[in-house]
């Protein structure tokens, strides 16, 4: 398994931007599919974005419909880090955001077997 630590959360006004980072330990980071999930109070954890494995600079990325066109996932294998650039934030984006690693391209939490501790994102109206 890989150890994951998120950072970059905070309070932002609606329409603003934040960039989340997730630093991973281990020498096999490039072999993992990486994903971002979020969980709002009293709601289930939901998929946000994913990015495929690989050592090249071209990756397959996929998104939840609710964030498509506003959020961008990327990775830097040299830094063992995955990012989530969040633009045009809305109050409904408020949640704890989690980074996760999987061996398969997936959208369900159960298929990700390593998780970070989460970082809070709050969007005020």
N, C-alpha and C. Protein backbone atom coordinates (compact mmCIF):
# COMPACT_ATOMS: atom_id res chain seq x y z
N UNK A 1 0.84 -1.19 0.00
CA UNK A 1 0.00 0.00 0.00
C UNK A 1 0.87 1.25 0.00
N UNK A 2 0.25 2.35 -0.35
CA UNK A 2 0.95 3.63 -0.39
C UNK A 2 0.35 4.53 0.68
N UNK A 3 1.20 5.33 1.31
CA UNK A 3 0.74 6.29 2.32
C UNK A 3 0.45 7.62 1.64
N UNK A 4 -0.69 8.24 1.99
CA UNK A 4 -1.14 9.45 1.32
C UNK A 4 -1.41 10.56 2.32
N UNK A 5 -0.99 11.78 1.98
CA UNK A 5 -1.22 12.94 2.84
C UNK A 5 -1.71 14.10 1.97
N UNK A 6 -2.94 14.55 2.26
CA UNK A 6 -3.52 15.66 1.51
C UNK A 6 -3.18 17.01 2.16
N UNK A 7 -3.21 18.05 1.35
CA UNK A 7 -3.04 19.42 1.84
C UNK A 7 -3.69 20.37 0.84
N UNK A 8 -3.86 21.61 1.27
CA UNK A 8 -4.37 22.64 0.37
C UNK A 8 -5.80 23.05 0.58
N UNK A 9 -6.49 22.40 1.49
CA UNK A 9 -7.87 22.78 1.75
C UNK A 9 -7.96 24.13 2.44
N UNK A 10 -9.18 24.64 2.55
CA UNK A 10 -9.37 25.92 3.22
C UNK A 10 -10.73 26.49 2.95
N UNK A 11 -10.87 27.77 3.29
CA UNK A 11 -12.12 28.50 3.10
C UNK A 11 -11.98 29.43 1.91
N UNK A 12 -12.95 29.38 1.01
CA UNK A 12 -12.90 30.22 -0.19
C UNK A 12 -14.31 30.67 -0.52
N UNK A 13 -14.42 31.82 -1.15
CA UNK A 13 -15.74 32.32 -1.56
C UNK A 13 -16.18 31.62 -2.84
N UNK A 14 -17.48 31.58 -3.02
CA UNK A 14 -18.03 31.01 -4.25
C UNK A 14 -17.43 31.71 -5.47
N UNK A 15 -17.07 30.90 -6.47
CA UNK A 15 -16.42 31.42 -7.65
C UNK A 15 -14.91 31.39 -7.59
N UNK A 16 -14.38 31.14 -6.41
CA UNK A 16 -12.95 31.11 -6.23
C UNK A 16 -12.33 29.77 -6.60
N UNK A 17 -11.03 29.66 -6.32
CA UNK A 17 -10.27 28.47 -6.69
C UNK A 17 -9.42 27.98 -5.53
N UNK A 18 -9.15 26.68 -5.54
CA UNK A 18 -8.22 26.05 -4.62
C UNK A 18 -7.50 24.95 -5.37
N UNK A 19 -6.28 24.64 -4.94
CA UNK A 19 -5.56 23.49 -5.46
C UNK A 19 -5.20 22.57 -4.31
N UNK A 20 -5.70 21.36 -4.38
CA UNK A 20 -5.37 20.35 -3.40
C UNK A 20 -4.17 19.54 -3.88
N UNK A 21 -3.36 19.12 -2.93
CA UNK A 21 -2.22 18.26 -3.23
C UNK A 21 -2.32 17.00 -2.40
N UNK A 22 -1.77 15.93 -2.93
CA UNK A 22 -1.73 14.66 -2.21
C UNK A 22 -0.35 14.07 -2.43
N UNK A 23 0.44 14.02 -1.37
CA UNK A 23 1.80 13.46 -1.43
C UNK A 23 1.77 12.00 -1.05
N UNK A 24 2.42 11.19 -1.86
CA UNK A 24 2.43 9.75 -1.64
C UNK A 24 3.82 9.26 -1.29
N UNK A 25 3.87 8.26 -0.44
CA UNK A 25 5.14 7.62 -0.12
C UNK A 25 5.34 6.43 -1.03
N UNK A 26 6.55 5.91 -1.05
CA UNK A 26 6.79 4.70 -1.83
C UNK A 26 7.33 4.98 -3.21
N UNK A 27 7.96 3.96 -3.77
CA UNK A 27 8.63 4.10 -5.06
C UNK A 27 7.78 3.61 -6.22
N UNK A 28 6.53 3.20 -5.94
CA UNK A 28 5.68 2.66 -7.00
C UNK A 28 4.50 3.55 -7.29
N UNK A 29 4.61 4.82 -6.97
CA UNK A 29 3.50 5.76 -7.14
C UNK A 29 2.98 5.75 -8.57
N UNK A 30 3.87 5.70 -9.53
CA UNK A 30 3.46 5.79 -10.93
C UNK A 30 2.60 4.59 -11.37
N UNK A 31 2.61 3.51 -10.60
CA UNK A 31 1.84 2.33 -10.97
C UNK A 31 0.40 2.36 -10.44
N UNK A 32 0.04 3.39 -9.69
CA UNK A 32 -1.29 3.49 -9.10
C UNK A 32 -2.18 4.42 -9.89
N UNK A 33 -3.45 4.04 -9.99
CA UNK A 33 -4.50 4.97 -10.38
C UNK A 33 -4.80 5.81 -9.14
N UNK A 34 -4.87 7.11 -9.32
CA UNK A 34 -5.12 8.01 -8.20
C UNK A 34 -6.48 8.66 -8.36
N UNK A 35 -7.15 8.83 -7.23
CA UNK A 35 -8.47 9.43 -7.27
C UNK A 35 -8.69 10.43 -6.16
N UNK A 36 -9.64 11.30 -6.39
CA UNK A 36 -10.11 12.21 -5.36
C UNK A 36 -11.59 11.91 -5.10
N UNK A 37 -11.93 11.85 -3.83
CA UNK A 37 -13.31 11.67 -3.38
C UNK A 37 -13.63 12.81 -2.43
N UNK A 38 -14.90 12.98 -2.14
CA UNK A 38 -15.30 13.97 -1.14
C UNK A 38 -16.50 13.46 -0.37
N UNK A 39 -16.62 13.98 0.85
CA UNK A 39 -17.74 13.59 1.71
C UNK A 39 -18.23 14.82 2.45
N UNK A 40 -19.47 15.17 2.19
CA UNK A 40 -20.13 16.27 2.88
C UNK A 40 -20.85 15.72 4.10
N UNK A 41 -21.15 16.57 5.08
CA UNK A 41 -21.85 16.10 6.29
C UNK A 41 -23.15 15.39 5.95
N UNK A 42 -23.34 14.25 6.58
CA UNK A 42 -24.56 13.45 6.43
C UNK A 42 -24.74 12.90 5.02
N UNK A 43 -23.67 12.88 4.24
CA UNK A 43 -23.75 12.33 2.88
C UNK A 43 -22.70 11.25 2.70
N UNK A 44 -22.92 10.39 1.72
CA UNK A 44 -21.95 9.35 1.44
C UNK A 44 -20.74 9.91 0.70
N UNK A 45 -19.64 9.20 0.83
CA UNK A 45 -18.44 9.60 0.10
C UNK A 45 -18.68 9.42 -1.40
N UNK A 46 -18.31 10.44 -2.18
CA UNK A 46 -18.57 10.38 -3.61
C UNK A 46 -17.29 10.62 -4.41
N UNK A 47 -17.25 9.98 -5.57
CA UNK A 47 -16.13 10.13 -6.48
C UNK A 47 -16.12 11.53 -7.07
N UNK A 48 -14.91 12.09 -7.22
CA UNK A 48 -14.75 13.42 -7.82
C UNK A 48 -13.96 13.34 -9.12
N UNK A 49 -12.77 12.73 -9.05
CA UNK A 49 -11.91 12.69 -10.24
C UNK A 49 -10.90 11.56 -10.11
N UNK A 50 -10.43 11.06 -11.26
CA UNK A 50 -9.42 10.01 -11.25
C UNK A 50 -8.42 10.22 -12.37
N UNK A 51 -7.23 9.65 -12.20
CA UNK A 51 -6.18 9.75 -13.22
C UNK A 51 -5.44 8.42 -13.27
N UNK A 52 -5.17 7.96 -14.48
CA UNK A 52 -4.58 6.64 -14.66
C UNK A 52 -3.12 6.60 -14.24
N UNK A 53 -2.58 5.37 -14.19
CA UNK A 53 -1.17 5.17 -13.90
C UNK A 53 -0.35 5.46 -15.15
N UNK A 54 0.97 5.34 -14.98
CA UNK A 54 1.83 5.48 -16.15
C UNK A 54 3.02 6.36 -15.86
N UNK A 55 4.03 6.23 -16.69
CA UNK A 55 5.24 7.01 -16.53
C UNK A 55 5.39 8.10 -17.55
N UNK A 56 4.40 8.22 -18.41
CA UNK A 56 4.48 9.25 -19.44
C UNK A 56 3.80 10.53 -18.94
N UNK A 57 3.74 11.51 -19.77
CA UNK A 57 3.06 12.76 -19.41
C UNK A 57 1.63 12.78 -19.92
N UNK A 58 1.19 11.70 -20.56
CA UNK A 58 -0.19 11.63 -21.05
C UNK A 58 -0.94 10.60 -20.25
N UNK A 59 -2.01 11.04 -19.60
CA UNK A 59 -2.78 10.15 -18.74
C UNK A 59 -4.25 10.22 -19.11
N UNK A 60 -4.95 9.18 -18.73
CA UNK A 60 -6.41 9.18 -18.86
C UNK A 60 -7.00 9.79 -17.61
N UNK A 61 -7.82 10.82 -17.77
CA UNK A 61 -8.47 11.44 -16.62
C UNK A 61 -9.99 11.31 -16.76
N UNK A 62 -10.67 11.23 -15.64
CA UNK A 62 -12.13 11.08 -15.67
C UNK A 62 -12.70 11.77 -14.44
N UNK A 63 -13.93 12.26 -14.61
CA UNK A 63 -14.53 13.13 -13.62
C UNK A 63 -15.99 12.79 -13.36
N UNK A 64 -16.44 13.19 -12.18
CA UNK A 64 -17.87 13.19 -11.89
C UNK A 64 -18.52 14.30 -12.71
N UNK A 65 -19.74 14.09 -13.12
CA UNK A 65 -20.43 15.10 -13.93
C UNK A 65 -20.54 16.43 -13.19
N UNK A 66 -20.65 16.38 -11.88
CA UNK A 66 -20.85 17.59 -11.09
C UNK A 66 -19.64 18.52 -11.09
N UNK A 67 -18.47 18.00 -11.45
CA UNK A 67 -17.25 18.82 -11.42
C UNK A 67 -16.61 18.97 -12.78
N UNK A 68 -17.12 18.26 -13.77
CA UNK A 68 -16.52 18.29 -15.11
C UNK A 68 -16.51 19.71 -15.65
N UNK A 69 -15.36 20.14 -16.15
CA UNK A 69 -15.23 21.50 -16.67
C UNK A 69 -14.79 22.51 -15.63
N UNK A 70 -14.85 22.14 -14.36
CA UNK A 70 -14.43 23.05 -13.28
C UNK A 70 -13.19 22.54 -12.55
N UNK A 71 -13.07 21.24 -12.40
CA UNK A 71 -11.96 20.63 -11.68
C UNK A 71 -11.02 19.94 -12.67
N UNK A 72 -9.71 19.94 -12.33
CA UNK A 72 -8.71 19.25 -13.15
C UNK A 72 -7.80 18.44 -12.25
N UNK A 73 -7.68 17.16 -12.55
CA UNK A 73 -6.76 16.29 -11.81
C UNK A 73 -5.49 16.13 -12.63
N UNK A 74 -4.36 16.12 -11.93
CA UNK A 74 -3.08 15.93 -12.60
C UNK A 74 -2.14 15.22 -11.63
N UNK A 75 -1.02 14.74 -12.17
CA UNK A 75 -0.04 14.06 -11.31
C UNK A 75 1.36 14.40 -11.77
N UNK A 76 2.28 14.36 -10.80
CA UNK A 76 3.70 14.55 -11.07
C UNK A 76 4.41 13.37 -10.43
N UNK A 77 4.75 12.37 -11.23
CA UNK A 77 5.35 11.15 -10.69
C UNK A 77 6.73 11.42 -10.09
N UNK A 78 7.44 12.41 -10.59
CA UNK A 78 8.75 12.74 -10.03
C UNK A 78 8.64 13.24 -8.60
N UNK A 79 7.49 13.84 -8.29
CA UNK A 79 7.27 14.36 -6.94
C UNK A 79 6.33 13.47 -6.13
N UNK A 80 5.91 12.34 -6.71
CA UNK A 80 4.97 11.44 -6.01
C UNK A 80 3.75 12.21 -5.51
N UNK A 81 3.20 13.05 -6.36
CA UNK A 81 2.11 13.93 -5.94
C UNK A 81 1.01 13.96 -7.00
N UNK A 82 -0.22 13.98 -6.52
CA UNK A 82 -1.38 14.18 -7.38
C UNK A 82 -2.08 15.45 -6.92
N UNK A 83 -2.63 16.17 -7.88
CA UNK A 83 -3.24 17.47 -7.61
C UNK A 83 -4.71 17.48 -8.04
N UNK A 84 -5.46 18.36 -7.41
CA UNK A 84 -6.83 18.63 -7.86
C UNK A 84 -6.99 20.14 -7.89
N UNK A 85 -7.00 20.69 -9.10
CA UNK A 85 -7.25 22.11 -9.28
C UNK A 85 -8.76 22.33 -9.35
N UNK A 86 -9.27 23.15 -8.44
CA UNK A 86 -10.72 23.37 -8.35
C UNK A 86 -11.01 24.83 -8.66
N UNK A 87 -11.72 25.07 -9.73
CA UNK A 87 -12.10 26.42 -10.14
C UNK A 87 -13.62 26.57 -10.08
N UNK A 88 -14.06 27.82 -10.10
CA UNK A 88 -15.50 28.13 -10.08
C UNK A 88 -16.20 27.36 -8.97
N UNK A 89 -15.64 27.42 -7.79
CA UNK A 89 -16.18 26.64 -6.67
C UNK A 89 -17.57 27.13 -6.28
N UNK A 90 -18.37 26.17 -5.84
CA UNK A 90 -19.75 26.43 -5.42
C UNK A 90 -19.92 25.98 -3.97
N UNK A 91 -20.90 26.54 -3.27
CA UNK A 91 -21.13 26.11 -1.88
C UNK A 91 -21.36 24.60 -1.77
N UNK A 92 -21.95 24.00 -2.78
CA UNK A 92 -22.19 22.55 -2.74
C UNK A 92 -20.92 21.72 -2.91
N UNK A 93 -19.80 22.37 -3.19
CA UNK A 93 -18.52 21.66 -3.22
C UNK A 93 -17.92 21.50 -1.83
N UNK A 94 -18.54 22.11 -0.84
CA UNK A 94 -18.06 22.01 0.54
C UNK A 94 -18.08 20.56 1.01
N UNK A 95 -16.92 20.10 1.48
CA UNK A 95 -16.80 18.70 1.90
C UNK A 95 -15.38 18.47 2.41
N UNK A 96 -15.17 17.29 2.97
CA UNK A 96 -13.82 16.82 3.22
C UNK A 96 -13.39 16.08 1.95
N UNK A 97 -12.22 16.43 1.45
CA UNK A 97 -11.71 15.83 0.22
C UNK A 97 -10.62 14.82 0.56
N UNK A 98 -10.75 13.63 -0.02
CA UNK A 98 -9.83 12.54 0.24
C UNK A 98 -9.10 12.14 -1.04
N UNK A 99 -7.84 11.84 -0.89
CA UNK A 99 -7.02 11.27 -1.94
C UNK A 99 -7.00 9.75 -1.74
N UNK A 100 -6.99 9.00 -2.84
CA UNK A 100 -7.00 7.55 -2.73
C UNK A 100 -6.23 6.92 -3.88
N UNK A 101 -5.75 5.70 -3.65
CA UNK A 101 -4.97 4.98 -4.66
C UNK A 101 -5.61 3.64 -4.95
N UNK A 102 -5.54 3.25 -6.21
CA UNK A 102 -6.12 1.98 -6.64
C UNK A 102 -5.22 1.34 -7.69
N UNK A 103 -5.42 0.04 -7.90
CA UNK A 103 -4.69 -0.64 -8.96
C UNK A 103 -5.49 -0.74 -10.25
N UNK A 104 -6.75 -0.24 -10.18
CA UNK A 104 -7.61 -0.29 -11.37
C UNK A 104 -8.25 1.08 -11.58
N UNK A 105 -8.64 1.36 -12.81
CA UNK A 105 -9.41 2.57 -13.11
C UNK A 105 -10.82 2.36 -12.57
N UNK A 106 -11.22 3.17 -11.61
CA UNK A 106 -12.47 2.93 -10.92
C UNK A 106 -13.08 4.25 -10.44
N UNK A 107 -14.37 4.17 -10.13
CA UNK A 107 -15.10 5.32 -9.57
C UNK A 107 -15.69 5.03 -8.21
N UNK A 108 -15.63 3.78 -7.77
CA UNK A 108 -16.23 3.43 -6.49
C UNK A 108 -15.17 3.36 -5.40
N UNK A 109 -15.54 3.84 -4.20
CA UNK A 109 -14.59 3.91 -3.11
C UNK A 109 -14.03 2.54 -2.74
N UNK A 110 -14.86 1.52 -2.87
CA UNK A 110 -14.43 0.18 -2.49
C UNK A 110 -13.29 -0.37 -3.31
N UNK A 111 -13.04 0.22 -4.47
CA UNK A 111 -11.96 -0.25 -5.32
C UNK A 111 -10.65 0.51 -5.11
N UNK A 112 -10.67 1.43 -4.16
CA UNK A 112 -9.46 2.15 -3.77
C UNK A 112 -9.03 1.62 -2.41
N UNK A 113 -7.77 1.21 -2.29
CA UNK A 113 -7.36 0.52 -1.08
C UNK A 113 -6.37 1.30 -0.21
N UNK A 114 -6.03 2.52 -0.60
CA UNK A 114 -5.22 3.38 0.25
C UNK A 114 -5.86 4.76 0.27
N UNK A 115 -5.94 5.35 1.46
CA UNK A 115 -6.63 6.62 1.63
C UNK A 115 -5.81 7.58 2.48
N UNK A 116 -5.94 8.86 2.19
CA UNK A 116 -5.39 9.88 3.04
C UNK A 116 -6.36 10.23 4.16
N UNK A 117 -5.96 11.18 4.98
CA UNK A 117 -6.77 11.54 6.15
C UNK A 117 -7.83 12.58 5.80
N UNK A 118 -7.71 13.21 4.64
CA UNK A 118 -8.70 14.19 4.20
C UNK A 118 -8.29 15.62 4.50
N UNK A 119 -8.82 16.53 3.70
CA UNK A 119 -8.60 17.96 3.91
C UNK A 119 -9.92 18.69 3.67
N UNK A 120 -10.25 19.61 4.57
CA UNK A 120 -11.54 20.29 4.52
C UNK A 120 -11.54 21.41 3.48
N UNK A 121 -12.56 21.43 2.66
CA UNK A 121 -12.81 22.52 1.72
C UNK A 121 -14.16 23.13 2.05
N UNK A 122 -14.18 24.42 2.31
CA UNK A 122 -15.42 25.12 2.63
C UNK A 122 -15.59 26.28 1.66
N UNK A 123 -16.73 26.30 0.98
CA UNK A 123 -17.03 27.35 0.00
C UNK A 123 -18.19 28.17 0.53
N UNK A 124 -17.94 29.44 0.77
CA UNK A 124 -18.99 30.31 1.31
C UNK A 124 -19.74 31.00 0.16
N UNK A 125 -21.01 31.27 0.41
CA UNK A 125 -21.85 31.90 -0.62
C UNK A 125 -21.81 33.41 -0.53
